[in-house]
Amino acid sequence: MADTGKLIVFSAPSGSGKTTIVRWLLEKKELNLEFSISAASREPRPTEKDGVDYYFLSLKEFKRRIKEDEFLEWEEVYRDNFYGTLKSEVERIWKEGKHVIFDIDVVGGLDIKKLYPERTLAVFVKPPSIEELKIRLKKRKTESEDRINMRVAKASIELATAPQFDYIIENNDLDTALAEAYELVTKHINA
């Protein structure tokens, strides 16, 4: 793997704003970032493309790659529903001379930090409150009430991991959160 590439992890409960922050940072060409595409063992949704949204692998292929130690991190999120980061994805980005940015769950984010403690900036994006998180998820109008309640319950557990990250950005105001994220990433890649 390249010697100079850095890793930038953004983790958060669903609805905290991490994806918005990561997409905004990717637009900042001076940061020289590239998004790490995760692998998934599920079928693509109608709007998703293999190699763009995820690397879609069969369950058998995913498990084979786990056995062959091809993942930096992986997790069985639901029964037979695996997600993970392929080592080859990080190597590809580093070979291009870029830094890797992740929009990833808290378990995967902390696993990457453990593997590369000196090269990784791990940032937790915190919503102002669980109530605000629920409002944001409802505004999306993409999920059932049960699914929203499941995400909110999971958020409480995820929030407990926040102190294990290098920094916590509280996303009360998006412009402030973006500025804070930009400053943290700039400092990390120039260190």
N, C-alpha and C. Protein backbone atom coordinates (compact mmCIF):
# COMPACT_ATOMS: atom_id res chain seq x y z
N MET A 1 0.84 -1.19 0.00
CA MET A 1 0.00 0.00 0.00
C MET A 1 0.88 1.25 0.00
N ALA A 2 0.34 2.31 -0.57
CA ALA A 2 1.10 3.56 -0.68
C ALA A 2 1.45 4.10 0.70
N ASP A 3 2.54 4.85 0.76
CA ASP A 3 3.02 5.34 2.05
C ASP A 3 2.35 6.63 2.50
N THR A 4 1.79 7.38 1.57
CA THR A 4 1.34 8.72 1.92
C THR A 4 -0.17 8.87 2.11
N GLY A 5 -0.94 7.91 1.66
CA GLY A 5 -2.40 8.04 1.74
C GLY A 5 -2.92 8.04 3.16
N LYS A 6 -3.92 8.88 3.38
CA LYS A 6 -4.57 8.94 4.70
C LYS A 6 -5.98 8.35 4.57
N LEU A 7 -6.57 8.07 5.72
CA LEU A 7 -7.93 7.54 5.81
C LEU A 7 -8.76 8.51 6.64
N ILE A 8 -9.93 8.85 6.15
CA ILE A 8 -10.83 9.75 6.86
C ILE A 8 -12.17 9.04 7.00
N VAL A 9 -12.55 8.76 8.24
CA VAL A 9 -13.77 8.01 8.54
C VAL A 9 -14.81 8.97 9.10
N PHE A 10 -16.01 8.95 8.51
CA PHE A 10 -17.16 9.66 9.07
C PHE A 10 -18.20 8.61 9.42
N SER A 11 -18.57 8.56 10.71
CA SER A 11 -19.58 7.63 11.19
C SER A 11 -20.63 8.41 11.97
N ALA A 12 -21.85 7.86 11.99
CA ALA A 12 -22.93 8.55 12.68
C ALA A 12 -24.20 7.71 12.61
N PRO A 13 -25.15 7.98 13.49
CA PRO A 13 -26.46 7.36 13.31
C PRO A 13 -27.11 7.89 12.03
N SER A 14 -27.95 7.09 11.44
CA SER A 14 -28.68 7.48 10.24
C SER A 14 -29.47 8.77 10.50
N GLY A 15 -29.33 9.76 9.61
CA GLY A 15 -30.05 11.02 9.76
C GLY A 15 -29.25 12.12 10.43
N SER A 16 -27.99 11.83 10.78
CA SER A 16 -27.15 12.83 11.46
C SER A 16 -26.54 13.84 10.50
N GLY A 17 -26.45 13.49 9.22
CA GLY A 17 -25.88 14.40 8.23
C GLY A 17 -24.50 14.00 7.72
N LYS A 18 -24.03 12.80 8.07
CA LYS A 18 -22.67 12.41 7.66
C LYS A 18 -22.53 12.30 6.16
N THR A 19 -23.54 11.77 5.47
CA THR A 19 -23.46 11.63 4.02
C THR A 19 -23.40 13.00 3.35
N THR A 20 -24.17 13.94 3.83
CA THR A 20 -24.14 15.31 3.31
C THR A 20 -22.75 15.91 3.49
N ILE A 21 -22.15 15.71 4.65
CA ILE A 21 -20.81 16.24 4.93
C ILE A 21 -19.78 15.59 4.01
N VAL A 22 -19.84 14.26 3.88
CA VAL A 22 -18.86 13.54 3.04
C VAL A 22 -18.99 13.98 1.59
N ARG A 23 -20.21 14.09 1.07
CA ARG A 23 -20.39 14.53 -0.32
C ARG A 23 -19.83 15.93 -0.54
N TRP A 24 -20.03 16.82 0.41
CA TRP A 24 -19.53 18.19 0.31
C TRP A 24 -17.99 18.19 0.31
N LEU A 25 -17.39 17.40 1.19
CA LEU A 25 -15.93 17.32 1.24
C LEU A 25 -15.35 16.77 -0.06
N LEU A 26 -16.03 15.80 -0.67
CA LEU A 26 -15.57 15.22 -1.93
C LEU A 26 -15.52 16.26 -3.06
N GLU A 27 -16.33 17.29 -2.97
CA GLU A 27 -16.34 18.36 -3.98
C GLU A 27 -15.14 19.29 -3.85
N LYS A 28 -14.46 19.25 -2.71
CA LYS A 28 -13.31 20.13 -2.46
C LYS A 28 -12.06 19.48 -3.05
N LYS A 29 -11.78 19.80 -4.30
CA LYS A 29 -10.68 19.15 -5.05
C LYS A 29 -9.33 19.28 -4.36
N GLU A 30 -9.10 20.39 -3.64
CA GLU A 30 -7.81 20.61 -2.97
C GLU A 30 -7.54 19.57 -1.88
N LEU A 31 -8.61 18.88 -1.40
CA LEU A 31 -8.42 17.87 -0.37
C LEU A 31 -7.94 16.53 -0.94
N ASN A 32 -8.11 16.34 -2.25
CA ASN A 32 -7.62 15.13 -2.93
C ASN A 32 -8.21 13.86 -2.32
N LEU A 33 -9.53 13.86 -2.16
CA LEU A 33 -10.23 12.74 -1.54
C LEU A 33 -10.92 11.88 -2.59
N GLU A 34 -11.03 10.59 -2.28
CA GLU A 34 -11.87 9.71 -3.08
C GLU A 34 -12.68 8.83 -2.14
N PHE A 35 -13.93 8.62 -2.50
CA PHE A 35 -14.86 7.86 -1.69
C PHE A 35 -14.58 6.37 -1.77
N SER A 36 -14.56 5.71 -0.63
CA SER A 36 -14.41 4.26 -0.57
C SER A 36 -15.77 3.61 -0.78
N ILE A 37 -15.88 2.84 -1.86
CA ILE A 37 -17.13 2.13 -2.15
C ILE A 37 -17.13 0.82 -1.38
N SER A 38 -18.16 0.60 -0.59
CA SER A 38 -18.27 -0.61 0.21
C SER A 38 -18.78 -1.77 -0.63
N ALA A 39 -18.52 -2.98 -0.14
CA ALA A 39 -19.09 -4.19 -0.73
C ALA A 39 -20.34 -4.56 0.06
N ALA A 40 -21.31 -5.17 -0.63
CA ALA A 40 -22.56 -5.59 0.02
C ALA A 40 -23.00 -6.93 -0.55
N SER A 41 -23.59 -7.75 0.30
CA SER A 41 -24.04 -9.07 -0.14
C SER A 41 -25.53 -9.08 -0.48
N ARG A 42 -26.09 -7.93 -0.75
CA ARG A 42 -27.51 -7.86 -1.11
C ARG A 42 -27.66 -7.50 -2.58
N GLU A 43 -28.87 -7.65 -3.07
CA GLU A 43 -29.16 -7.28 -4.45
C GLU A 43 -29.20 -5.74 -4.56
N PRO A 44 -28.78 -5.20 -5.70
CA PRO A 44 -28.88 -3.74 -5.87
C PRO A 44 -30.33 -3.28 -5.92
N ARG A 45 -30.59 -2.10 -5.38
CA ARG A 45 -31.91 -1.47 -5.53
C ARG A 45 -32.00 -0.94 -6.95
N PRO A 46 -33.20 -0.64 -7.44
CA PRO A 46 -33.35 -0.22 -8.84
C PRO A 46 -32.45 0.93 -9.30
N THR A 47 -32.15 1.86 -8.41
CA THR A 47 -31.35 3.03 -8.80
C THR A 47 -29.85 2.83 -8.58
N GLU A 48 -29.46 1.71 -7.96
CA GLU A 48 -28.06 1.49 -7.61
C GLU A 48 -27.29 0.80 -8.73
N LYS A 49 -26.01 1.17 -8.83
CA LYS A 49 -25.13 0.59 -9.84
C LYS A 49 -23.92 -0.07 -9.16
N ASP A 50 -23.58 -1.27 -9.66
CA ASP A 50 -22.42 -1.99 -9.15
C ASP A 50 -21.15 -1.19 -9.46
N GLY A 51 -20.29 -1.07 -8.46
CA GLY A 51 -19.04 -0.34 -8.65
C GLY A 51 -19.18 1.16 -8.48
N VAL A 52 -20.41 1.63 -8.26
CA VAL A 52 -20.66 3.06 -8.03
C VAL A 52 -21.23 3.25 -6.63
N ASP A 53 -22.35 2.58 -6.37
CA ASP A 53 -22.98 2.68 -5.05
C ASP A 53 -22.38 1.66 -4.07
N TYR A 54 -22.19 0.45 -4.55
CA TYR A 54 -21.57 -0.65 -3.80
C TYR A 54 -20.92 -1.58 -4.80
N TYR A 55 -20.07 -2.46 -4.30
CA TYR A 55 -19.64 -3.63 -5.06
C TYR A 55 -20.59 -4.73 -4.60
N PHE A 56 -21.51 -5.12 -5.46
CA PHE A 56 -22.51 -6.12 -5.10
C PHE A 56 -21.93 -7.51 -5.31
N LEU A 57 -21.84 -8.27 -4.21
CA LEU A 57 -21.29 -9.62 -4.23
C LEU A 57 -22.38 -10.60 -3.79
N SER A 58 -22.33 -11.82 -4.32
CA SER A 58 -23.25 -12.84 -3.81
C SER A 58 -22.83 -13.17 -2.38
N LEU A 59 -23.74 -13.76 -1.63
CA LEU A 59 -23.43 -14.15 -0.26
C LEU A 59 -22.23 -15.12 -0.25
N LYS A 60 -22.23 -16.06 -1.18
CA LYS A 60 -21.13 -17.04 -1.28
C LYS A 60 -19.80 -16.34 -1.56
N GLU A 61 -19.81 -15.39 -2.49
CA GLU A 61 -18.60 -14.65 -2.84
C GLU A 61 -18.11 -13.81 -1.66
N PHE A 62 -19.04 -13.16 -0.96
CA PHE A 62 -18.68 -12.33 0.19
C PHE A 62 -17.98 -13.20 1.25
N LYS A 63 -18.59 -14.34 1.56
CA LYS A 63 -18.02 -15.23 2.59
C LYS A 63 -16.66 -15.78 2.15
N ARG A 64 -16.49 -16.08 0.86
CA ARG A 64 -15.21 -16.54 0.35
C ARG A 64 -14.14 -15.47 0.58
N ARG A 65 -14.50 -14.22 0.28
CA ARG A 65 -13.54 -13.12 0.44
C ARG A 65 -13.21 -12.86 1.91
N ILE A 66 -14.16 -13.11 2.80
CA ILE A 66 -13.87 -13.01 4.24
C ILE A 66 -12.81 -14.05 4.60
N LYS A 67 -13.04 -15.29 4.17
CA LYS A 67 -12.09 -16.39 4.46
C LYS A 67 -10.71 -16.10 3.91
N GLU A 68 -10.64 -15.43 2.77
CA GLU A 68 -9.35 -15.12 2.14
C GLU A 68 -8.75 -13.80 2.61
N ASP A 69 -9.34 -13.22 3.66
CA ASP A 69 -8.83 -12.01 4.30
C ASP A 69 -8.72 -10.83 3.33
N GLU A 70 -9.76 -10.64 2.51
CA GLU A 70 -9.75 -9.56 1.53
C GLU A 70 -10.41 -8.28 2.03
N PHE A 71 -10.92 -8.29 3.26
CA PHE A 71 -11.60 -7.11 3.81
C PHE A 71 -10.77 -6.44 4.89
N LEU A 72 -10.81 -5.09 4.90
CA LEU A 72 -10.26 -4.33 6.03
C LEU A 72 -11.19 -4.51 7.23
N GLU A 73 -12.47 -4.44 6.93
CA GLU A 73 -13.50 -4.60 7.96
C GLU A 73 -14.74 -5.11 7.27
N TRP A 74 -15.56 -5.83 8.01
CA TRP A 74 -16.85 -6.30 7.50
C TRP A 74 -17.77 -6.56 8.68
N GLU A 75 -19.06 -6.60 8.37
CA GLU A 75 -20.05 -6.82 9.42
C GLU A 75 -21.29 -7.47 8.80
N GLU A 76 -21.87 -8.40 9.55
CA GLU A 76 -23.16 -8.97 9.16
C GLU A 76 -24.21 -8.09 9.82
N VAL A 77 -24.77 -7.16 9.05
CA VAL A 77 -25.69 -6.17 9.60
C VAL A 77 -27.03 -6.81 9.96
N TYR A 78 -27.53 -7.64 9.07
CA TYR A 78 -28.72 -8.45 9.31
C TYR A 78 -28.35 -9.86 8.86
N ARG A 79 -29.15 -10.85 9.19
CA ARG A 79 -28.83 -12.25 8.83
C ARG A 79 -28.55 -12.36 7.33
N ASP A 80 -27.36 -12.88 7.00
CA ASP A 80 -26.91 -13.07 5.62
C ASP A 80 -26.85 -11.78 4.80
N ASN A 81 -26.75 -10.66 5.49
CA ASN A 81 -26.67 -9.36 4.82
C ASN A 81 -25.38 -8.69 5.31
N PHE A 82 -24.32 -8.84 4.51
CA PHE A 82 -22.99 -8.39 4.89
C PHE A 82 -22.61 -7.09 4.16
N TYR A 83 -21.85 -6.26 4.87
CA TYR A 83 -21.26 -5.05 4.29
C TYR A 83 -19.80 -5.01 4.72
N GLY A 84 -18.93 -4.46 3.88
CA GLY A 84 -17.54 -4.37 4.27
C GLY A 84 -16.72 -3.52 3.32
N THR A 85 -15.46 -3.28 3.72
CA THR A 85 -14.51 -2.51 2.91
C THR A 85 -13.43 -3.45 2.40
N LEU A 86 -13.34 -3.57 1.09
CA LEU A 86 -12.31 -4.41 0.48
C LEU A 86 -10.94 -3.72 0.57
N LYS A 87 -9.93 -4.48 0.92
CA LYS A 87 -8.57 -3.95 0.95
C LYS A 87 -8.18 -3.39 -0.43
N SER A 88 -8.63 -4.07 -1.48
CA SER A 88 -8.30 -3.64 -2.85
C SER A 88 -8.86 -2.26 -3.17
N GLU A 89 -9.97 -1.88 -2.53
CA GLU A 89 -10.56 -0.55 -2.76
C GLU A 89 -9.65 0.53 -2.20
N VAL A 90 -9.15 0.34 -1.00
CA VAL A 90 -8.25 1.31 -0.38
C VAL A 90 -6.93 1.37 -1.16
N GLU A 91 -6.41 0.22 -1.55
CA GLU A 91 -5.17 0.18 -2.34
C GLU A 91 -5.34 0.91 -3.67
N ARG A 92 -6.49 0.74 -4.32
CA ARG A 92 -6.76 1.41 -5.60
C ARG A 92 -6.70 2.93 -5.43
N ILE A 93 -7.34 3.43 -4.39
CA ILE A 93 -7.38 4.88 -4.15
C ILE A 93 -5.99 5.41 -3.81
N TRP A 94 -5.27 4.69 -2.96
CA TRP A 94 -3.91 5.13 -2.60
C TRP A 94 -2.99 5.12 -3.81
N LYS A 95 -3.15 4.14 -4.70
CA LYS A 95 -2.31 4.09 -5.91
C LYS A 95 -2.56 5.30 -6.81
N GLU A 96 -3.78 5.86 -6.73
CA GLU A 96 -4.10 7.07 -7.48
C GLU A 96 -3.55 8.32 -6.81
N GLY A 97 -2.90 8.15 -5.65
CA GLY A 97 -2.32 9.28 -4.93
C GLY A 97 -3.33 10.09 -4.15
N LYS A 98 -4.46 9.47 -3.82
CA LYS A 98 -5.53 10.19 -3.11
C LYS A 98 -5.69 9.67 -1.69
N HIS A 99 -6.45 10.42 -0.90
CA HIS A 99 -6.81 10.03 0.45
C HIS A 99 -8.20 9.39 0.40
N VAL A 100 -8.42 8.40 1.26
CA VAL A 100 -9.67 7.65 1.27
C VAL A 100 -10.63 8.25 2.29
N ILE A 101 -11.87 8.51 1.85
CA ILE A 101 -12.90 8.99 2.78
C ILE A 101 -14.01 7.95 2.84
N PHE A 102 -14.47 7.68 4.05
CA PHE A 102 -15.51 6.68 4.30
C PHE A 102 -16.74 7.32 4.91
N ASP A 103 -17.89 6.85 4.49
CA ASP A 103 -19.20 7.13 5.10
C ASP A 103 -19.64 5.75 5.56
N ILE A 104 -19.40 5.45 6.84
CA ILE A 104 -19.45 4.05 7.29
C ILE A 104 -20.06 3.96 8.69
N ASP A 105 -20.59 2.77 9.02
CA ASP A 105 -21.18 2.59 10.35
C ASP A 105 -20.09 2.66 11.43
N VAL A 106 -20.52 2.82 12.67
CA VAL A 106 -19.56 3.05 13.76
C VAL A 106 -18.63 1.86 13.99
N VAL A 107 -19.14 0.64 13.84
CA VAL A 107 -18.30 -0.54 14.06
C VAL A 107 -17.18 -0.58 13.02
N GLY A 108 -17.54 -0.42 11.75
CA GLY A 108 -16.55 -0.43 10.67
C GLY A 108 -15.56 0.71 10.81
N GLY A 109 -16.05 1.88 11.18
CA GLY A 109 -15.18 3.05 11.35
C GLY A 109 -14.14 2.83 12.44
N LEU A 110 -14.56 2.26 13.55
CA LEU A 110 -13.63 2.00 14.65
C LEU A 110 -12.65 0.88 14.30
N ASP A 111 -13.12 -0.10 13.51
CA ASP A 111 -12.22 -1.18 13.06
C ASP A 111 -11.10 -0.62 12.19
N ILE A 112 -11.43 0.29 11.29
CA ILE A 112 -10.41 0.90 10.42
C ILE A 112 -9.42 1.72 11.26
N LYS A 113 -9.93 2.44 12.24
CA LYS A 113 -9.07 3.23 13.13
C LYS A 113 -8.09 2.31 13.87
N LYS A 114 -8.55 1.13 14.29
CA LYS A 114 -7.66 0.20 15.00
C LYS A 114 -6.57 -0.33 14.07
N LEU A 115 -6.91 -0.57 12.81
CA LEU A 115 -5.94 -1.11 11.85
C LEU A 115 -4.87 -0.08 11.48
N TYR A 116 -5.28 1.18 11.33
CA TYR A 116 -4.36 2.25 10.90
C TYR A 116 -4.48 3.44 11.85
N PRO A 117 -4.07 3.29 13.11
CA PRO A 117 -4.29 4.37 14.08
C PRO A 117 -3.63 5.70 13.72
N GLU A 118 -2.45 5.66 13.10
CA GLU A 118 -1.74 6.90 12.78
C GLU A 118 -2.25 7.55 11.50
N ARG A 119 -2.80 6.76 10.59
CA ARG A 119 -3.21 7.28 9.28
C ARG A 119 -4.69 7.65 9.21
N THR A 120 -5.44 7.31 10.27
CA THR A 120 -6.89 7.49 10.24
C THR A 120 -7.36 8.64 11.12
N LEU A 121 -8.21 9.46 10.54
CA LEU A 121 -8.97 10.46 11.29
C LEU A 121 -10.38 9.90 11.39
N ALA A 122 -10.85 9.64 12.60
CA ALA A 122 -12.19 9.09 12.82
C ALA A 122 -13.08 10.18 13.43
N VAL A 123 -14.12 10.55 12.68
CA VAL A 123 -15.02 11.63 13.09
C VAL A 123 -16.42 11.07 13.28
N PHE A 124 -17.01 11.38 14.42
CA PHE A 124 -18.39 10.99 14.71
C PHE A 124 -19.27 12.22 14.53
N VAL A 125 -20.31 12.09 13.72
CA VAL A 125 -21.26 13.18 13.51
C VAL A 125 -22.47 12.92 14.39
N LYS A 126 -22.70 13.85 15.30
CA LYS A 126 -23.73 13.68 16.32
C LYS A 126 -24.93 14.58 16.00
N PRO A 127 -26.14 14.02 16.04
CA PRO A 127 -27.32 14.88 15.87
C PRO A 127 -27.54 15.72 17.13
N PRO A 128 -28.28 16.83 17.01
CA PRO A 128 -28.53 17.66 18.20
C PRO A 128 -29.24 16.89 19.31
N SER A 129 -30.14 15.97 18.93
CA SER A 129 -30.87 15.16 19.90
C SER A 129 -31.51 13.97 19.17
N ILE A 130 -31.95 13.00 19.94
CA ILE A 130 -32.66 11.84 19.36
C ILE A 130 -33.98 12.32 18.74
N GLU A 131 -34.62 13.28 19.38
CA GLU A 131 -35.89 13.81 18.85
C GLU A 131 -35.68 14.44 17.48
N GLU A 132 -34.61 15.25 17.34
CA GLU A 132 -34.30 15.88 16.06
C GLU A 132 -33.95 14.83 15.02
N LEU A 133 -33.25 13.79 15.43
CA LEU A 133 -32.91 12.70 14.52
C LEU A 133 -34.18 12.06 13.95
N LYS A 134 -35.14 11.82 14.81
CA LYS A 134 -36.41 11.21 14.37
C LYS A 134 -37.14 12.12 13.39
N ILE A 135 -37.12 13.43 13.65
CA ILE A 135 -37.75 14.40 12.74
C ILE A 135 -37.07 14.35 11.37
N ARG A 136 -35.74 14.32 11.35
CA ARG A 136 -34.99 14.27 10.09
C ARG A 136 -35.31 13.00 9.31
N LEU A 137 -35.37 11.87 10.00
CA LEU A 137 -35.68 10.60 9.32
C LEU A 137 -37.10 10.62 8.75
N LYS A 138 -38.04 11.20 9.48
CA LYS A 138 -39.43 11.29 8.98
C LYS A 138 -39.52 12.21 7.76
N LYS A 139 -38.74 13.30 7.77
CA LYS A 139 -38.75 14.24 6.63
C LYS A 139 -38.27 13.60 5.34
N ARG A 140 -37.42 12.59 5.44
CA ARG A 140 -36.93 11.88 4.25
C ARG A 140 -38.06 11.20 3.49
N LYS A 141 -39.08 10.74 4.24
CA LYS A 141 -40.24 10.03 3.66
C LYS A 141 -39.79 8.82 2.83
N THR A 142 -38.78 8.11 3.32
CA THR A 142 -38.28 6.94 2.60
C THR A 142 -38.50 5.64 3.37
N GLU A 143 -38.93 5.74 4.62
CA GLU A 143 -39.04 4.53 5.43
C GLU A 143 -40.30 4.52 6.27
N SER A 144 -40.72 3.31 6.64
CA SER A 144 -41.91 3.14 7.48
C SER A 144 -41.62 3.62 8.90
N GLU A 145 -42.68 3.81 9.66
CA GLU A 145 -42.55 4.22 11.07
C GLU A 145 -41.75 3.18 11.86
N ASP A 146 -42.00 1.90 11.59
CA ASP A 146 -41.26 0.82 12.28
C ASP A 146 -39.77 0.91 11.99
N ARG A 147 -39.44 1.14 10.72
CA ARG A 147 -38.03 1.23 10.30
C ARG A 147 -37.37 2.45 10.96
N ILE A 148 -38.10 3.56 11.01
CA ILE A 148 -37.58 4.77 11.67
C ILE A 148 -37.32 4.49 13.15
N ASN A 149 -38.27 3.83 13.80
CA ASN A 149 -38.11 3.51 15.22
C ASN A 149 -36.91 2.58 15.45
N MET A 150 -36.69 1.65 14.51
CA MET A 150 -35.54 0.76 14.60
C MET A 150 -34.23 1.56 14.49
N ARG A 151 -34.20 2.52 13.54
CA ARG A 151 -33.01 3.36 13.37
C ARG A 151 -32.75 4.22 14.61
N VAL A 152 -33.82 4.75 15.19
CA VAL A 152 -33.69 5.60 16.38
C VAL A 152 -33.17 4.77 17.56
N ALA A 153 -33.67 3.54 17.71
CA ALA A 153 -33.18 2.66 18.78
C ALA A 153 -31.70 2.34 18.58
N LYS A 154 -31.30 2.08 17.33
CA LYS A 154 -29.89 1.79 17.02
C LYS A 154 -29.03 3.04 17.28
N ALA A 155 -29.60 4.23 17.02
CA ALA A 155 -28.86 5.48 17.21
C ALA A 155 -28.41 5.65 18.66
N SER A 156 -29.25 5.26 19.60
CA SER A 156 -28.89 5.38 21.02
C SER A 156 -27.64 4.57 21.33
N ILE A 157 -27.55 3.37 20.74
CA ILE A 157 -26.38 2.51 20.93
C ILE A 157 -25.16 3.14 20.25
N GLU A 158 -25.36 3.63 19.03
CA GLU A 158 -24.26 4.25 18.28
C GLU A 158 -23.72 5.49 18.98
N LEU A 159 -24.60 6.28 19.55
CA LEU A 159 -24.18 7.50 20.25
C LEU A 159 -23.23 7.18 21.41
N ALA A 160 -23.40 6.02 22.01
CA ALA A 160 -22.54 5.62 23.12
C ALA A 160 -21.09 5.38 22.66
N THR A 161 -20.88 5.16 21.36
CA THR A 161 -19.52 4.93 20.85
C THR A 161 -18.79 6.23 20.52
N ALA A 162 -19.49 7.34 20.50
CA ALA A 162 -18.91 8.62 20.09
C ALA A 162 -17.57 8.94 20.76
N PRO A 163 -17.42 8.73 22.07
CA PRO A 163 -16.14 9.07 22.72
C PRO A 163 -14.94 8.28 22.20
N GLN A 164 -15.17 7.16 21.48
CA GLN A 164 -14.06 6.36 20.95
C GLN A 164 -13.47 6.96 19.67
N PHE A 165 -14.14 7.96 19.10
CA PHE A 165 -13.68 8.61 17.87
C PHE A 165 -12.73 9.75 18.22
N ASP A 166 -11.93 10.17 17.21
CA ASP A 166 -10.97 11.25 17.43
C ASP A 166 -11.67 12.58 17.70
N TYR A 167 -12.75 12.82 16.98
CA TYR A 167 -13.51 14.08 17.11
C TYR A 167 -15.00 13.81 16.99
N ILE A 168 -15.76 14.68 17.64
CA ILE A 168 -17.22 14.63 17.52
C ILE A 168 -17.65 15.98 16.96
N ILE A 169 -18.38 15.93 15.85
CA ILE A 169 -18.98 17.14 15.30
C ILE A 169 -20.46 17.07 15.62
N GLU A 170 -20.96 18.05 16.36
CA GLU A 170 -22.40 18.10 16.64
C GLU A 170 -23.06 18.88 15.52
N ASN A 171 -23.90 18.22 14.77
CA ASN A 171 -24.52 18.83 13.59
C ASN A 171 -25.82 19.55 13.94
N ASN A 172 -25.68 20.68 14.65
CA ASN A 172 -26.83 21.55 14.93
C ASN A 172 -27.11 22.46 13.74
N ASP A 173 -26.02 22.93 13.13
CA ASP A 173 -26.09 23.85 12.00
C ASP A 173 -25.16 23.31 10.92
N LEU A 174 -25.71 23.02 9.73
CA LEU A 174 -24.94 22.36 8.69
C LEU A 174 -23.71 23.16 8.26
N ASP A 175 -23.83 24.46 8.08
CA ASP A 175 -22.68 25.26 7.65
C ASP A 175 -21.53 25.19 8.66
N THR A 176 -21.87 25.22 9.94
CA THR A 176 -20.85 25.11 10.99
C THR A 176 -20.22 23.72 10.97
N ALA A 177 -21.04 22.68 10.80
CA ALA A 177 -20.54 21.30 10.75
C ALA A 177 -19.61 21.11 9.54
N LEU A 178 -19.98 21.69 8.39
CA LEU A 178 -19.15 21.58 7.19
C LEU A 178 -17.80 22.25 7.39
N ALA A 179 -17.82 23.44 7.98
CA ALA A 179 -16.57 24.18 8.23
C ALA A 179 -15.67 23.41 9.20
N GLU A 180 -16.26 22.84 10.22
CA GLU A 180 -15.51 22.07 11.20
C GLU A 180 -14.90 20.81 10.55
N ALA A 181 -15.69 20.13 9.72
CA ALA A 181 -15.21 18.93 9.02
C ALA A 181 -14.06 19.28 8.09
N TYR A 182 -14.19 20.37 7.35
CA TYR A 182 -13.15 20.81 6.41
C TYR A 182 -11.84 21.07 7.16
N GLU A 183 -11.94 21.77 8.27
CA GLU A 183 -10.75 22.10 9.07
C GLU A 183 -10.07 20.83 9.60
N LEU A 184 -10.86 19.88 10.12
CA LEU A 184 -10.30 18.63 10.65
C LEU A 184 -9.60 17.82 9.56
N VAL A 185 -10.24 17.70 8.40
CA VAL A 185 -9.68 16.91 7.30
C VAL A 185 -8.42 17.57 6.76
N THR A 186 -8.46 18.87 6.59
CA THR A 186 -7.28 19.61 6.11
C THR A 186 -6.09 19.40 7.03
N LYS A 187 -6.33 19.55 8.32
CA LYS A 187 -5.26 19.37 9.31
C LYS A 187 -4.70 17.94 9.26
N HIS A 188 -5.59 16.96 9.12
CA HIS A 188 -5.16 15.55 9.10
C HIS A 188 -4.32 15.22 7.87
N ILE A 189 -4.76 15.66 6.71
CA ILE A 189 -4.02 15.28 5.48
C ILE A 189 -2.70 16.04 5.36
N ASN A 190 -2.58 17.16 6.05
CA ASN A 190 -1.34 17.92 6.01
C ASN A 190 -0.39 17.59 7.15
N ALA A 191 -0.82 16.71 8.04
CA ALA A 191 0.02 16.34 9.21
C ALA A 191 1.17 15.44 8.80
